[in-house]
Amino acid sequence: MLTIHFSQEDILRTRVAPAADPVWELVLSLHLLQGRTRDPLMAGWRRGVAAGLRRETAADQFRLLFALNPPRGYFPDFLTPYQSLDGFEAGLDAVRSTPTGLLRRDLNVLAGTNPLPSSAAALARGEPEVLRHLTDSMTQYRSVAIDPYWGRIRAAVEADRAVRARALLDGGAEGLLASLRPGMRWESGVLQVLDYPNRRELHLDGRGLLLVPSFFCARTPVALLDPALPPVLVYPADRLGGLDPPPGEGGRPAGDGGREALAALLGRTRAAVLEVSDDGATTGEVARRLHISAAAASQHTTVLRNAGLLVSRRDRNTVLHTLTPLGRAMLDA
């Protein structure tokens, strides 16, 4: 169990990441790709990524990157810098700028449980060429494993953020922390991560906590090992049905069922459903705002969801609907 201790100042300084974090998603996807999970929601993604990496890259291009990210257990803190909040390139710049002392420390911890390739020694010395090779391999891996699926990843994270925003509005910062159940438990200034792989205490000491919802985070939330780093807790977002292969790559042909679904969107009522869902709305709220029956609201949101314009997430006894990136683009247009 991970036990995180909050002061009143920590509670007030706790916040949710503004969007899906591209570096965390990349690193955590590496763990899933190499693991033995039989999660059916990810099976198509794993097959497609494995085939793409074999087809487009040299055999040793990702050797160091994969070695630094074993399927379970510890992985280096320096791979997921706080600066990735500002985007993928900012995160890679921070990786390349990691102090040598931190590189050496993280790699020594990792080497205690996992074999590392010879290039890890040069990485521990902070050699710029090896750091550049590492971030280049992250960029190349991202183009195969993350970019084609980014819309769905971002939609899942945005749906989770809508749930946390409602919890914050209804119950303040403590309501936000309490909303992280069932995998976490909030009580009397303490957040407990129940299924953490080891027993650990983390004192925030007035720094607050950054909560990062993640598509590729598996069942167990993740925290950085170094207590001196800015406190971050990455937790699983609902995957909203998983990842389908990109159109034309083993999945549904581009424009097949999607065109039929989009054709069904024509009409003012569904456009209005999109509009009221901009900041998230339950089925009941859609019905009340548009003066339609709950059954009609449910039917319209189902059509919009099937067309990829809404995502729906159950929260206790209600279903919250939020826009996908495509839905927001259509609404803006």
C-alpha atoms as a PDB file:
ATOM      1  CA  MET A   1       0.000   0.000   0.000  1.00  0.00           C
ATOM      2  CA  LEU A   2       1.136   3.552  -0.797  1.00  0.00           C
ATOM      3  CA  THR A   3       0.092   6.027   1.895  1.00  0.00           C
ATOM      4  CA  ILE A   4       0.207   9.719   0.948  1.00  0.00           C
ATOM      5  CA  HIS A   5       0.014  12.258   3.759  1.00  0.00           C
ATOM      6  CA  PHE A   6      -1.600  15.659   3.106  1.00  0.00           C
ATOM      7  CA  SER A   7      -1.513  18.849   5.098  1.00  0.00           C
ATOM      8  CA  GLN A   8      -4.301  21.391   4.565  1.00  0.00           C
ATOM      9  CA  GLU A   9      -1.963  23.251   2.217  1.00  0.00           C
ATOM     10  CA  ASP A  10      -1.338  20.042   0.241  1.00  0.00           C
ATOM     11  CA  ILE A  11      -5.080  19.525  -0.198  1.00  0.00           C
ATOM     12  CA  LEU A  12      -5.472  23.038  -1.574  1.00  0.00           C
ATOM     13  CA  ARG A  13      -2.507  22.589  -3.952  1.00  0.00           C
ATOM     14  CA  THR A  14      -3.679  19.248  -5.362  1.00  0.00           C
ATOM     15  CA  ARG A  15      -4.656  19.427  -9.030  1.00  0.00           C
ATOM     16  CA  VAL A  16      -5.339  17.285 -12.088  1.00  0.00           C
ATOM     17  CA  ALA A  17      -3.046  17.390 -15.126  1.00  0.00           C
ATOM     18  CA  PRO A  18      -4.527  19.615 -17.868  1.00  0.00           C
ATOM     19  CA  ALA A  19      -4.432  16.922 -20.560  1.00  0.00           C
ATOM     20  CA  ALA A  20      -3.082  13.482 -21.385  1.00  0.00           C
ATOM     21  CA  ASP A  21       0.640  13.473 -20.653  1.00  0.00           C
ATOM     22  CA  PRO A  22       2.432  12.272 -23.831  1.00  0.00           C
ATOM     23  CA  VAL A  23       5.603  11.092 -22.059  1.00  0.00           C
ATOM     24  CA  TRP A  24       3.812   9.172 -19.307  1.00  0.00           C
ATOM     25  CA  GLU A  25       1.555   7.534 -21.919  1.00  0.00           C
ATOM     26  CA  LEU A  26       4.589   6.510 -23.965  1.00  0.00           C
ATOM     27  CA  VAL A  27       6.477   5.023 -21.017  1.00  0.00           C
ATOM     28  CA  LEU A  28       3.488   3.175 -19.565  1.00  0.00           C
ATOM     29  CA  SER A  29       2.555   1.812 -22.997  1.00  0.00           C
ATOM     30  CA  LEU A  30       6.017   0.218 -23.172  1.00  0.00           C
ATOM     31  CA  HIS A  31       5.241  -1.723 -20.001  1.00  0.00           C
ATOM     32  CA  LEU A  32       1.958  -2.983 -21.427  1.00  0.00           C
ATOM     33  CA  LEU A  33       3.529  -3.872 -24.760  1.00  0.00           C
ATOM     34  CA  GLN A  34       6.183  -6.060 -23.119  1.00  0.00           C
ATOM     35  CA  GLY A  35       3.960  -7.540 -20.428  1.00  0.00           C
ATOM     36  CA  ARG A  36       1.880 -10.683 -20.460  1.00  0.00           C
ATOM     37  CA  THR A  37      -1.486  -9.086 -19.969  1.00  0.00           C
ATOM     38  CA  ARG A  38      -4.360 -10.684 -21.842  1.00  0.00           C
ATOM     39  CA  ASP A  39      -6.486  -7.562 -21.689  1.00  0.00           C
ATOM     40  CA  PRO A  40      -8.784  -7.932 -24.745  1.00  0.00           C
ATOM     41  CA  LEU A  41      -9.156  -4.150 -24.986  1.00  0.00           C
ATOM     42  CA  MET A  42      -5.464  -3.859 -25.827  1.00  0.00           C
ATOM     43  CA  ALA A  43      -4.923  -6.962 -27.948  1.00  0.00           C
ATOM     44  CA  GLY A  44      -5.368  -5.206 -31.293  1.00  0.00           C
ATOM     45  CA  TRP A  45      -3.091  -2.367 -30.238  1.00  0.00           C
ATOM     46  CA  ARG A  46      -0.330  -4.759 -29.151  1.00  0.00           C
ATOM     47  CA  ARG A  47      -0.467  -6.695 -32.428  1.00  0.00           C
ATOM     48  CA  GLY A  48      -0.449  -3.555 -34.521  1.00  0.00           C
ATOM     49  CA  VAL A  49       2.402  -1.915 -32.616  1.00  0.00           C
ATOM     50  CA  ALA A  50       4.549  -5.059 -32.623  1.00  0.00           C
ATOM     51  CA  ALA A  51       4.083  -5.409 -36.380  1.00  0.00           C
ATOM     52  CA  GLY A  52       4.795  -1.713 -36.946  1.00  0.00           C
ATOM     53  CA  LEU A  53       8.010  -1.799 -34.950  1.00  0.00           C
ATOM     54  CA  ARG A  54       9.244  -4.858 -36.857  1.00  0.00           C
ATOM     55  CA  ARG A  55       8.371  -3.323 -40.196  1.00  0.00           C
ATOM     56  CA  GLU A  56       9.744   0.185 -39.791  1.00  0.00           C
ATOM     57  CA  THR A  57      12.805   0.022 -37.561  1.00  0.00           C
ATOM     58  CA  ALA A  58      16.214  -1.553 -37.136  1.00  0.00           C
ATOM     59  CA  ALA A  59      16.463  -4.442 -34.701  1.00  0.00           C
ATOM     60  CA  ASP A  60      18.529  -2.577 -32.099  1.00  0.00           C
ATOM     61  CA  GLN A  61      16.804   0.822 -32.356  1.00  0.00           C
ATOM     62  CA  PHE A  62      14.739   0.283 -29.204  1.00  0.00           C
ATOM     63  CA  ARG A  63      17.044  -1.990 -27.206  1.00  0.00           C
ATOM     64  CA  LEU A  64      17.959   0.644 -24.641  1.00  0.00           C
ATOM     65  CA  LEU A  65      14.445   2.113 -24.427  1.00  0.00           C
ATOM     66  CA  PHE A  66      12.884  -1.302 -23.817  1.00  0.00           C
ATOM     67  CA  ALA A  67      15.556  -2.251 -21.278  1.00  0.00           C
ATOM     68  CA  LEU A  68      14.828   0.914 -19.298  1.00  0.00           C
ATOM     69  CA  ASN A  69      11.127   0.042 -19.193  1.00  0.00           C
ATOM     70  CA  PRO A  70      10.642  -3.526 -17.976  1.00  0.00           C
ATOM     71  CA  PRO A  71       7.065  -4.827 -17.980  1.00  0.00           C
ATOM     72  CA  ARG A  72       6.844  -4.706 -14.178  1.00  0.00           C
ATOM     73  CA  GLY A  73       8.645  -3.205 -11.230  1.00  0.00           C
ATOM     74  CA  TYR A  74      10.857  -0.142 -11.085  1.00  0.00           C
ATOM     75  CA  PHE A  75      11.628   2.106 -14.053  1.00  0.00           C
ATOM     76  CA  PRO A  76      13.776   5.272 -13.936  1.00  0.00           C
ATOM     77  CA  ASP A  77      12.206   8.475 -12.655  1.00  0.00           C
ATOM     78  CA  PHE A  78      14.153  10.573 -15.171  1.00  0.00           C
ATOM     79  CA  LEU A  79      12.125   9.106 -18.060  1.00  0.00           C
ATOM     80  CA  THR A  80       8.969  10.921 -16.936  1.00  0.00           C
ATOM     81  CA  PRO A  81      10.061  14.480 -16.059  1.00  0.00           C
ATOM     82  CA  TYR A  82       7.628  17.000 -14.612  1.00  0.00           C
ATOM     83  CA  GLN A  83       8.252  19.226 -17.649  1.00  0.00           C
ATOM     84  CA  SER A  84       6.216  16.865 -19.842  1.00  0.00           C
ATOM     85  CA  LEU A  85       3.194  18.827 -18.582  1.00  0.00           C
ATOM     86  CA  ASP A  86       4.251  21.342 -21.241  1.00  0.00           C
ATOM     87  CA  GLY A  87       4.232  18.770 -24.038  1.00  0.00           C
ATOM     88  CA  PHE A  88       6.243  15.974 -25.593  1.00  0.00           C
ATOM     89  CA  GLU A  89       9.206  18.030 -26.800  1.00  0.00           C
ATOM     90  CA  ALA A  90       9.523  19.771 -23.432  1.00  0.00           C
ATOM     91  CA  GLY A  91       9.611  16.345 -21.812  1.00  0.00           C
ATOM     92  CA  LEU A  92      12.336  15.098 -24.167  1.00  0.00           C
ATOM     93  CA  ASP A  93      14.390  18.230 -23.569  1.00  0.00           C
ATOM     94  CA  ALA A  94      14.200  17.504 -19.839  1.00  0.00           C
ATOM     95  CA  VAL A  95      15.292  13.882 -20.384  1.00  0.00           C
ATOM     96  CA  ARG A  96      18.323  15.046 -22.377  1.00  0.00           C
ATOM     97  CA  SER A  97      19.141  17.550 -19.618  1.00  0.00           C
ATOM     98  CA  THR A  98      19.014  15.061 -16.742  1.00  0.00           C
ATOM     99  CA  PRO A  99      21.950  15.613 -14.353  1.00  0.00           C
ATOM    100  CA  THR A 100      24.537  12.829 -14.446  1.00  0.00           C
ATOM    101  CA  GLY A 101      24.084  12.103 -10.755  1.00  0.00           C
ATOM    102  CA  LEU A 102      20.380  11.351 -11.249  1.00  0.00           C
ATOM    103  CA  LEU A 103      21.078   9.187 -14.309  1.00  0.00           C
ATOM    104  CA  ARG A 104      23.625   7.152 -12.372  1.00  0.00           C
ATOM    105  CA  ARG A 105      21.360   6.768  -9.359  1.00  0.00           C
ATOM    106  CA  ASP A 106      18.280   5.663 -11.355  1.00  0.00           C
ATOM    107  CA  LEU A 107      20.256   3.220 -13.505  1.00  0.00           C
ATOM    108  CA  ASN A 108      21.935   1.669 -10.456  1.00  0.00           C
ATOM    109  CA  VAL A 109      18.502   1.016  -8.940  1.00  0.00           C
ATOM    110  CA  LEU A 110      17.241  -0.514 -12.190  1.00  0.00           C
ATOM    111  CA  ALA A 111      20.373  -2.659 -12.663  1.00  0.00           C
ATOM    112  CA  GLY A 112      19.730  -4.257  -9.281  1.00  0.00           C
ATOM    113  CA  THR A 113      16.753  -6.156 -10.714  1.00  0.00           C
ATOM    114  CA  ASN A 114      17.121  -6.055 -14.514  1.00  0.00           C
ATOM    115  CA  PRO A 115      19.968  -6.703 -16.977  1.00  0.00           C
ATOM    116  CA  LEU A 116      20.949  -3.619 -18.961  1.00  0.00           C
ATOM    117  CA  PRO A 117      22.676  -3.331 -22.359  1.00  0.00           C
ATOM    118  CA  SER A 118      26.218  -1.980 -22.644  1.00  0.00           C
ATOM    119  CA  SER A 119      24.901   1.413 -23.786  1.00  0.00           C
ATOM    120  CA  ALA A 120      23.468   1.950 -20.283  1.00  0.00           C
ATOM    121  CA  ALA A 121      26.976   2.627 -18.978  1.00  0.00           C
ATOM    122  CA  ALA A 122      27.392   5.508 -21.407  1.00  0.00           C
ATOM    123  CA  LEU A 123      23.935   6.740 -20.472  1.00  0.00           C
ATOM    124  CA  ALA A 124      24.922   6.733 -16.791  1.00  0.00           C
ATOM    125  CA  ARG A 125      27.866   8.955 -17.698  1.00  0.00           C
ATOM    126  CA  GLY A 126      25.476  11.390 -19.343  1.00  0.00           C
ATOM    127  CA  GLU A 127      27.027  11.103 -22.801  1.00  0.00           C
ATOM    128  CA  PRO A 128      24.994  13.424 -25.072  1.00  0.00           C
ATOM    129  CA  GLU A 129      25.047  11.016 -28.019  1.00  0.00           C
ATOM    130  CA  VAL A 130      23.390   8.253 -25.989  1.00  0.00           C
ATOM    131  CA  LEU A 131      20.822  10.634 -24.499  1.00  0.00           C
ATOM    132  CA  ARG A 132      20.009  11.824 -28.018  1.00  0.00           C
ATOM    133  CA  HIS A 133      19.676   8.224 -29.208  1.00  0.00           C
ATOM    134  CA  LEU A 134      17.299   7.506 -26.317  1.00  0.00           C
ATOM    135  CA  THR A 135      15.010  10.440 -27.051  1.00  0.00           C
ATOM    136  CA  ASP A 136      15.140   9.732 -30.803  1.00  0.00           C
ATOM    137  CA  SER A 137      13.943   6.192 -30.101  1.00  0.00           C
ATOM    138  CA  MET A 138      11.149   7.615 -27.922  1.00  0.00           C
ATOM    139  CA  THR A 139      10.067   9.810 -30.825  1.00  0.00           C
ATOM    140  CA  GLN A 140      10.153   6.926 -33.286  1.00  0.00           C
ATOM    141  CA  TYR A 141       8.277   4.613 -30.926  1.00  0.00           C
ATOM    142  CA  ARG A 142       5.663   7.298 -30.373  1.00  0.00           C
ATOM    143  CA  SER A 143       4.977   7.553 -34.113  1.00  0.00           C
ATOM    144  CA  VAL A 144       4.048   3.857 -34.202  1.00  0.00           C
ATOM    145  CA  ALA A 145       2.494   3.170 -30.804  1.00  0.00           C
ATOM    146  CA  ILE A 146       0.920   6.446 -29.680  1.00  0.00           C
ATOM    147  CA  ASP A 147       0.251   8.928 -32.498  1.00  0.00           C
ATOM    148  CA  PRO A 148      -2.234   6.780 -34.481  1.00  0.00           C
ATOM    149  CA  TYR A 149      -4.323   6.311 -31.323  1.00  0.00           C
ATOM    150  CA  TRP A 150      -3.884   9.721 -29.726  1.00  0.00           C
ATOM    151  CA  GLY A 151      -7.468  10.872 -30.298  1.00  0.00           C
ATOM    152  CA  ARG A 152      -8.876   7.930 -28.334  1.00  0.00           C
ATOM    153  CA  ILE A 153      -6.242   8.285 -25.610  1.00  0.00           C
ATOM    154  CA  ARG A 154      -6.972  11.986 -25.224  1.00  0.00           C
ATOM    155  CA  ALA A 155     -10.727  11.382 -25.191  1.00  0.00           C
ATOM    156  CA  ALA A 156     -10.413   8.879 -22.333  1.00  0.00           C
ATOM    157  CA  VAL A 157      -8.323  11.294 -20.286  1.00  0.00           C
ATOM    158  CA  GLU A 158     -10.686  14.196 -20.977  1.00  0.00           C
ATOM    159  CA  ALA A 159     -13.633  12.052 -19.863  1.00  0.00           C
ATOM    160  CA  ASP A 160     -11.841  11.286 -16.609  1.00  0.00           C
ATOM    161  CA  ARG A 161     -11.038  14.979 -16.099  1.00  0.00           C
ATOM    162  CA  ALA A 162     -14.735  15.784 -16.482  1.00  0.00           C
ATOM    163  CA  VAL A 163     -15.532  13.346 -13.667  1.00  0.00           C
ATOM    164  CA  ARG A 164     -12.852  14.898 -11.422  1.00  0.00           C
ATOM    165  CA  ALA A 165     -14.077  18.419 -12.236  1.00  0.00           C
ATOM    166  CA  ARG A 166     -17.573  17.514 -11.104  1.00  0.00           C
ATOM    167  CA  ALA A 167     -16.222  15.987  -7.920  1.00  0.00           C
ATOM    168  CA  LEU A 168     -14.253  19.171  -7.263  1.00  0.00           C
ATOM    169  CA  LEU A 169     -17.294  21.397  -7.835  1.00  0.00           C
ATOM    170  CA  ASP A 170     -19.498  19.251  -5.610  1.00  0.00           C
ATOM    171  CA  GLY A 171     -17.064  18.548  -2.775  1.00  0.00           C
ATOM    172  CA  GLY A 172     -14.006  20.777  -3.142  1.00  0.00           C
ATOM    173  CA  ALA A 173     -10.482  19.381  -3.167  1.00  0.00           C
ATOM    174  CA  GLU A 174     -11.411  16.685  -0.655  1.00  0.00           C
ATOM    175  CA  GLY A 175     -14.291  15.638  -2.895  1.00  0.00           C
ATOM    176  CA  LEU A 176     -11.804  15.342  -5.756  1.00  0.00           C
ATOM    177  CA  LEU A 177      -9.570  13.054  -3.698  1.00  0.00           C
ATOM    178  CA  ALA A 178     -12.532  10.999  -2.505  1.00  0.00           C
ATOM    179  CA  SER A 179     -13.619  10.472  -6.142  1.00  0.00           C
ATOM    180  CA  LEU A 180     -10.540   8.309  -6.821  1.00  0.00           C
ATOM    181  CA  ARG A 181     -12.213   5.230  -5.318  1.00  0.00           C
ATOM    182  CA  PRO A 182     -12.357   2.243  -5.482  1.00  0.00           C
ATOM    183  CA  GLY A 183      -8.628   1.803  -6.103  1.00  0.00           C
ATOM    184  CA  MET A 184      -7.790   4.557  -3.618  1.00  0.00           C
ATOM    185  CA  ARG A 185      -9.252   5.575  -0.290  1.00  0.00           C
ATOM    186  CA  TRP A 186      -9.323   9.135   1.107  1.00  0.00           C
ATOM    187  CA  GLU A 187      -9.824   9.718   4.810  1.00  0.00           C
ATOM    188  CA  SER A 188      -8.632  12.298   7.366  1.00  0.00           C
ATOM    189  CA  GLY A 189      -5.828  13.793   5.307  1.00  0.00           C
ATOM    190  CA  VAL A 190      -4.487  10.481   4.040  1.00  0.00           C
ATOM    191  CA  LEU A 191      -4.815   8.991   0.537  1.00  0.00           C
ATOM    192  CA  GLN A 192      -4.197   5.241   0.419  1.00  0.00           C
ATOM    193  CA  VAL A 193      -3.400   3.479  -2.854  1.00  0.00           C
ATOM    194  CA  LEU A 194      -4.752   0.062  -1.975  1.00  0.00           C
ATOM    195  CA  ASP A 195      -3.146  -2.287  -4.505  1.00  0.00           C
ATOM    196  CA  TYR A 196       0.350  -0.794  -4.514  1.00  0.00           C
ATOM    197  CA  PRO A 197       3.157  -3.381  -4.968  1.00  0.00           C
ATOM    198  CA  ASN A 198       4.991  -2.433  -1.754  1.00  0.00           C
ATOM    199  CA  ARG A 199       4.468  -0.558   1.503  1.00  0.00           C
ATOM    200  CA  ARG A 200       5.529   3.061   1.209  1.00  0.00           C
ATOM    201  CA  GLU A 201       4.856   6.421   2.884  1.00  0.00           C
ATOM    202  CA  LEU A 202       4.927   9.719   0.993  1.00  0.00           C
ATOM    203  CA  HIS A 203       4.770  13.062   2.825  1.00  0.00           C
ATOM    204  CA  LEU A 204       3.881  15.928   0.498  1.00  0.00           C
ATOM    205  CA  ASP A 205       5.253  18.638   2.834  1.00  0.00           C
ATOM    206  CA  GLY A 206       3.202  21.474   1.376  1.00  0.00           C
ATOM    207  CA  ARG A 207       3.984  20.723  -2.278  1.00  0.00           C
ATOM    208  CA  GLY A 208       0.550  19.387  -3.177  1.00  0.00           C
ATOM    209  CA  LEU A 209      -0.032  16.479  -5.544  1.00  0.00           C
ATOM    210  CA  LEU A 210      -0.361  16.360  -9.319  1.00  0.00           C
ATOM    211  CA  LEU A 211      -2.920  13.732 -10.350  1.00  0.00           C
ATOM    212  CA  VAL A 212      -2.332  12.385 -13.861  1.00  0.00           C
ATOM    213  CA  PRO A 213      -5.097  10.255 -15.413  1.00  0.00           C
ATOM    214  CA  SER A 214      -3.542   7.858 -17.914  1.00  0.00           C
ATOM    215  CA  PHE A 215      -4.906   5.584 -20.626  1.00  0.00           C
ATOM    216  CA  PHE A 216      -1.966   3.184 -20.487  1.00  0.00           C
ATOM    217  CA  CYS A 217      -1.662   3.045 -16.712  1.00  0.00           C
ATOM    218  CA  ALA A 218      -2.533  -0.497 -15.713  1.00  0.00           C
ATOM    219  CA  ARG A 219      -4.611  -1.422 -12.687  1.00  0.00           C
ATOM    220  CA  THR A 220      -2.134   0.020 -10.140  1.00  0.00           C
ATOM    221  CA  PRO A 221      -1.405   3.769  -9.849  1.00  0.00           C
ATOM    222  CA  VAL A 222       2.214   4.861 -10.229  1.00  0.00           C
ATOM    223  CA  ALA A 223       4.276   7.301  -8.135  1.00  0.00           C
ATOM    224  CA  LEU A 224       7.866   8.435  -8.573  1.00  0.00           C
ATOM    225  CA  LEU A 225      10.382   6.746  -6.296  1.00  0.00           C
ATOM    226  CA  ASP A 226      12.417   9.848  -5.415  1.00  0.00           C
ATOM    227  CA  PRO A 227      10.536  11.738  -2.646  1.00  0.00           C
ATOM    228  CA  ALA A 228      12.472  14.923  -3.494  1.00  0.00           C
ATOM    229  CA  LEU A 229      10.863  15.185  -6.956  1.00  0.00           C
ATOM    230  CA  PRO A 230       7.574  17.078  -7.421  1.00  0.00           C
ATOM    231  CA  PRO A 231       4.885  14.636  -6.187  1.00  0.00           C
ATOM    232  CA  VAL A 232       2.984  12.961  -9.006  1.00  0.00           C
ATOM    233  CA  LEU A 233       0.421  10.159  -8.891  1.00  0.00           C
ATOM    234  CA  VAL A 234      -0.528   8.570 -12.210  1.00  0.00           C
ATOM    235  CA  TYR A 235      -3.734   6.548 -12.103  1.00  0.00           C
ATOM    236  CA  PRO A 236      -5.791   4.548 -14.622  1.00  0.00           C
ATOM    237  CA  ALA A 237      -8.397   6.334 -16.712  1.00  0.00           C
ATOM    238  CA  ASP A 238     -11.300   4.309 -18.068  1.00  0.00           C
ATOM    239  CA  ARG A 239     -10.184   3.042 -21.490  1.00  0.00           C
ATOM    240  CA  LEU A 240     -13.674   3.510 -22.943  1.00  0.00           C
ATOM    241  CA  GLY A 241     -13.646   0.315 -24.978  1.00  0.00           C
ATOM    242  CA  GLY A 242      -9.946   0.029 -25.744  1.00  0.00           C
ATOM    243  CA  LEU A 243      -8.021   0.833 -28.911  1.00  0.00           C
ATOM    244  CA  ASP A 244      -9.106  -0.242 -32.350  1.00  0.00           C
ATOM    245  CA  PRO A 245      -6.447  -0.519 -35.063  1.00  0.00           C
ATOM    246  CA  PRO A 246      -6.213   2.636 -37.216  1.00  0.00           C
ATOM    247  CA  PRO A 247      -8.495   2.544 -40.307  1.00  0.00           C
ATOM    248  CA  GLY A 248      -7.064   0.408 -43.083  1.00  0.00           C
ATOM    249  CA  GLU A 249      -4.596  -1.419 -40.757  1.00  0.00           C
ATOM    250  CA  GLY A 250      -6.481  -4.516 -39.795  1.00  0.00           C
ATOM    251  CA  GLY A 251      -9.483  -2.742 -38.329  1.00  0.00           C
ATOM    252  CA  ARG A 252     -12.638  -1.381 -39.890  1.00  0.00           C
ATOM    253  CA  PRO A 253     -11.969   0.079 -43.340  1.00  0.00           C
ATOM    254  CA  ALA A 254     -11.830   3.871 -43.369  1.00  0.00           C
ATOM    255  CA  GLY A 255     -15.252   5.356 -43.950  1.00  0.00           C
ATOM    256  CA  ASP A 256     -17.177   2.097 -43.528  1.00  0.00           C
ATOM    257  CA  GLY A 257     -19.528   2.128 -40.524  1.00  0.00           C
ATOM    258  CA  GLY A 258     -18.242   5.565 -39.551  1.00  0.00           C
ATOM    259  CA  ARG A 259     -19.948   7.232 -42.514  1.00  0.00           C
ATOM    260  CA  GLU A 260     -23.259   5.599 -41.666  1.00  0.00           C
ATOM    261  CA  ALA A 261     -22.948   6.741 -38.083  1.00  0.00           C
ATOM    262  CA  LEU A 262     -22.079  10.300 -39.081  1.00  0.00           C
ATOM    263  CA  ALA A 263     -25.037  10.405 -41.473  1.00  0.00           C
ATOM    264  CA  ALA A 264     -27.290   9.618 -38.531  1.00  0.00           C
ATOM    265  CA  LEU A 265     -26.108  12.779 -36.771  1.00  0.00           C
ATOM    266  CA  LEU A 266     -28.009  15.148 -39.051  1.00  0.00           C
ATOM    267  CA  GLY A 267     -30.554  17.167 -37.137  1.00  0.00           C
ATOM    268  CA  ARG A 268     -30.729  20.023 -34.645  1.00  0.00           C
ATOM    269  CA  THR A 269     -31.389  17.914 -31.586  1.00  0.00           C
ATOM    270  CA  ARG A 270     -28.135  15.956 -31.827  1.00  0.00           C
ATOM    271  CA  ALA A 271     -26.210  19.137 -32.523  1.00  0.00           C
ATOM    272  CA  ALA A 272     -27.742  20.517 -29.329  1.00  0.00           C
ATOM    273  CA  VAL A 273     -26.735  17.368 -27.439  1.00  0.00           C
ATOM    274  CA  LEU A 274     -23.153  17.993 -28.525  1.00  0.00           C
ATOM    275  CA  GLU A 275     -23.383  21.575 -27.318  1.00  0.00           C
ATOM    276  CA  VAL A 276     -24.704  20.760 -23.847  1.00  0.00           C
ATOM    277  CA  SER A 277     -22.066  18.019 -23.499  1.00  0.00           C
ATOM    278  CA  ASP A 278     -19.204  20.467 -24.059  1.00  0.00           C
ATOM    279  CA  ASP A 279     -18.390  20.596 -20.338  1.00  0.00           C
ATOM    280  CA  GLY A 280     -19.789  17.150 -19.587  1.00  0.00           C
ATOM    281  CA  ALA A 281     -23.427  16.295 -18.968  1.00  0.00           C
ATOM    282  CA  THR A 282     -25.314  13.304 -17.621  1.00  0.00           C
ATOM    283  CA  THR A 283     -28.182  11.734 -19.568  1.00  0.00           C
ATOM    284  CA  GLY A 284     -30.651  13.367 -17.180  1.00  0.00           C
ATOM    285  CA  GLU A 285     -29.045  16.778 -17.624  1.00  0.00           C
ATOM    286  CA  VAL A 286     -29.196  16.453 -21.406  1.00  0.00           C
ATOM    287  CA  ALA A 287     -32.894  15.616 -21.155  1.00  0.00           C
ATOM    288  CA  ARG A 288     -33.664  18.547 -18.837  1.00  0.00           C
ATOM    289  CA  ARG A 289     -31.689  21.141 -20.780  1.00  0.00           C
ATOM    290  CA  LEU A 290     -33.182  20.153 -24.136  1.00  0.00           C
ATOM    291  CA  HIS A 291     -36.690  19.421 -22.805  1.00  0.00           C
ATOM    292  CA  ILE A 292     -36.709  15.888 -24.188  1.00  0.00           C
ATOM    293  CA  SER A 293     -37.392  12.557 -22.524  1.00  0.00           C
ATOM    294  CA  ALA A 294     -34.629  10.609 -20.809  1.00  0.00           C
ATOM    295  CA  ALA A 295     -35.138   7.810 -23.340  1.00  0.00           C
ATOM    296  CA  ALA A 296     -34.646  10.230 -26.233  1.00  0.00           C
ATOM    297  CA  ALA A 297     -31.550  11.712 -24.592  1.00  0.00           C
ATOM    298  CA  SER A 298     -30.121   8.218 -24.156  1.00  0.00           C
ATOM    299  CA  GLN A 299     -30.811   7.384 -27.805  1.00  0.00           C
ATOM    300  CA  HIS A 300     -29.138  10.549 -29.084  1.00  0.00           C
ATOM    301  CA  THR A 301     -26.057  10.122 -26.912  1.00  0.00           C
ATOM    302  CA  THR A 302     -25.748   6.503 -28.066  1.00  0.00           C
ATOM    303  CA  VAL A 303     -25.718   7.592 -31.722  1.00  0.00           C
ATOM    304  CA  LEU A 304     -23.160  10.304 -30.994  1.00  0.00           C
ATOM    305  CA  ARG A 305     -20.995   7.880 -29.057  1.00  0.00           C
ATOM    306  CA  ASN A 306     -21.100   5.293 -31.856  1.00  0.00           C
ATOM    307  CA  ALA A 307     -19.996   8.006 -34.284  1.00  0.00           C
ATOM    308  CA  GLY A 308     -16.987   8.818 -32.129  1.00  0.00           C
ATOM    309  CA  LEU A 309     -18.197  12.269 -31.060  1.00  0.00           C
ATOM    310  CA  LEU A 310     -18.982  11.497 -27.422  1.00  0.00           C
ATOM    311  CA  VAL A 311     -17.527   9.250 -24.769  1.00  0.00           C
ATOM    312  CA  SER A 312     -19.664   8.006 -21.897  1.00  0.00           C
ATOM    313  CA  ARG A 313     -18.379   7.075 -18.481  1.00  0.00           C
ATOM    314  CA  ARG A 314     -20.417   5.634 -15.630  1.00  0.00           C
ATOM    315  CA  ASP A 315     -19.929   7.366 -12.289  1.00  0.00           C
ATOM    316  CA  ARG A 316     -21.918   5.627  -9.563  1.00  0.00           C
ATOM    317  CA  ASN A 317     -25.582   5.873 -10.612  1.00  0.00           C
ATOM    318  CA  THR A 318     -25.167   8.255 -13.536  1.00  0.00           C
ATOM    319  CA  VAL A 319     -23.549   8.206 -16.982  1.00  0.00           C
ATOM    320  CA  LEU A 320     -21.485  11.282 -17.851  1.00  0.00           C
ATOM    321  CA  HIS A 321     -21.100  12.211 -21.527  1.00  0.00           C
ATOM    322  CA  THR A 322     -18.178  14.335 -22.751  1.00  0.00           C
ATOM    323  CA  LEU A 323     -16.938  15.366 -26.175  1.00  0.00           C
ATOM    324  CA  THR A 324     -14.148  13.547 -27.952  1.00  0.00           C
ATOM    325  CA  PRO A 325     -11.592  15.695 -29.828  1.00  0.00           C
ATOM    326  CA  LEU A 326     -13.565  15.012 -33.021  1.00  0.00           C
ATOM    327  CA  GLY A 327     -16.805  16.035 -31.329  1.00  0.00           C
ATOM    328  CA  ARG A 328     -15.258  19.263 -30.086  1.00  0.00           C
ATOM    329  CA  ALA A 329     -13.872  19.997 -33.560  1.00  0.00           C
ATOM    330  CA  MET A 330     -17.322  19.528 -35.101  1.00  0.00           C
ATOM    331  CA  LEU A 331     -18.907  21.724 -32.456  1.00  0.00           C
ATOM    332  CA  ASP A 332     -16.310  24.447 -33.005  1.00  0.00           C
ATOM    333  CA  ALA A 333     -16.831  24.260 -36.743  1.00  0.00           C
END
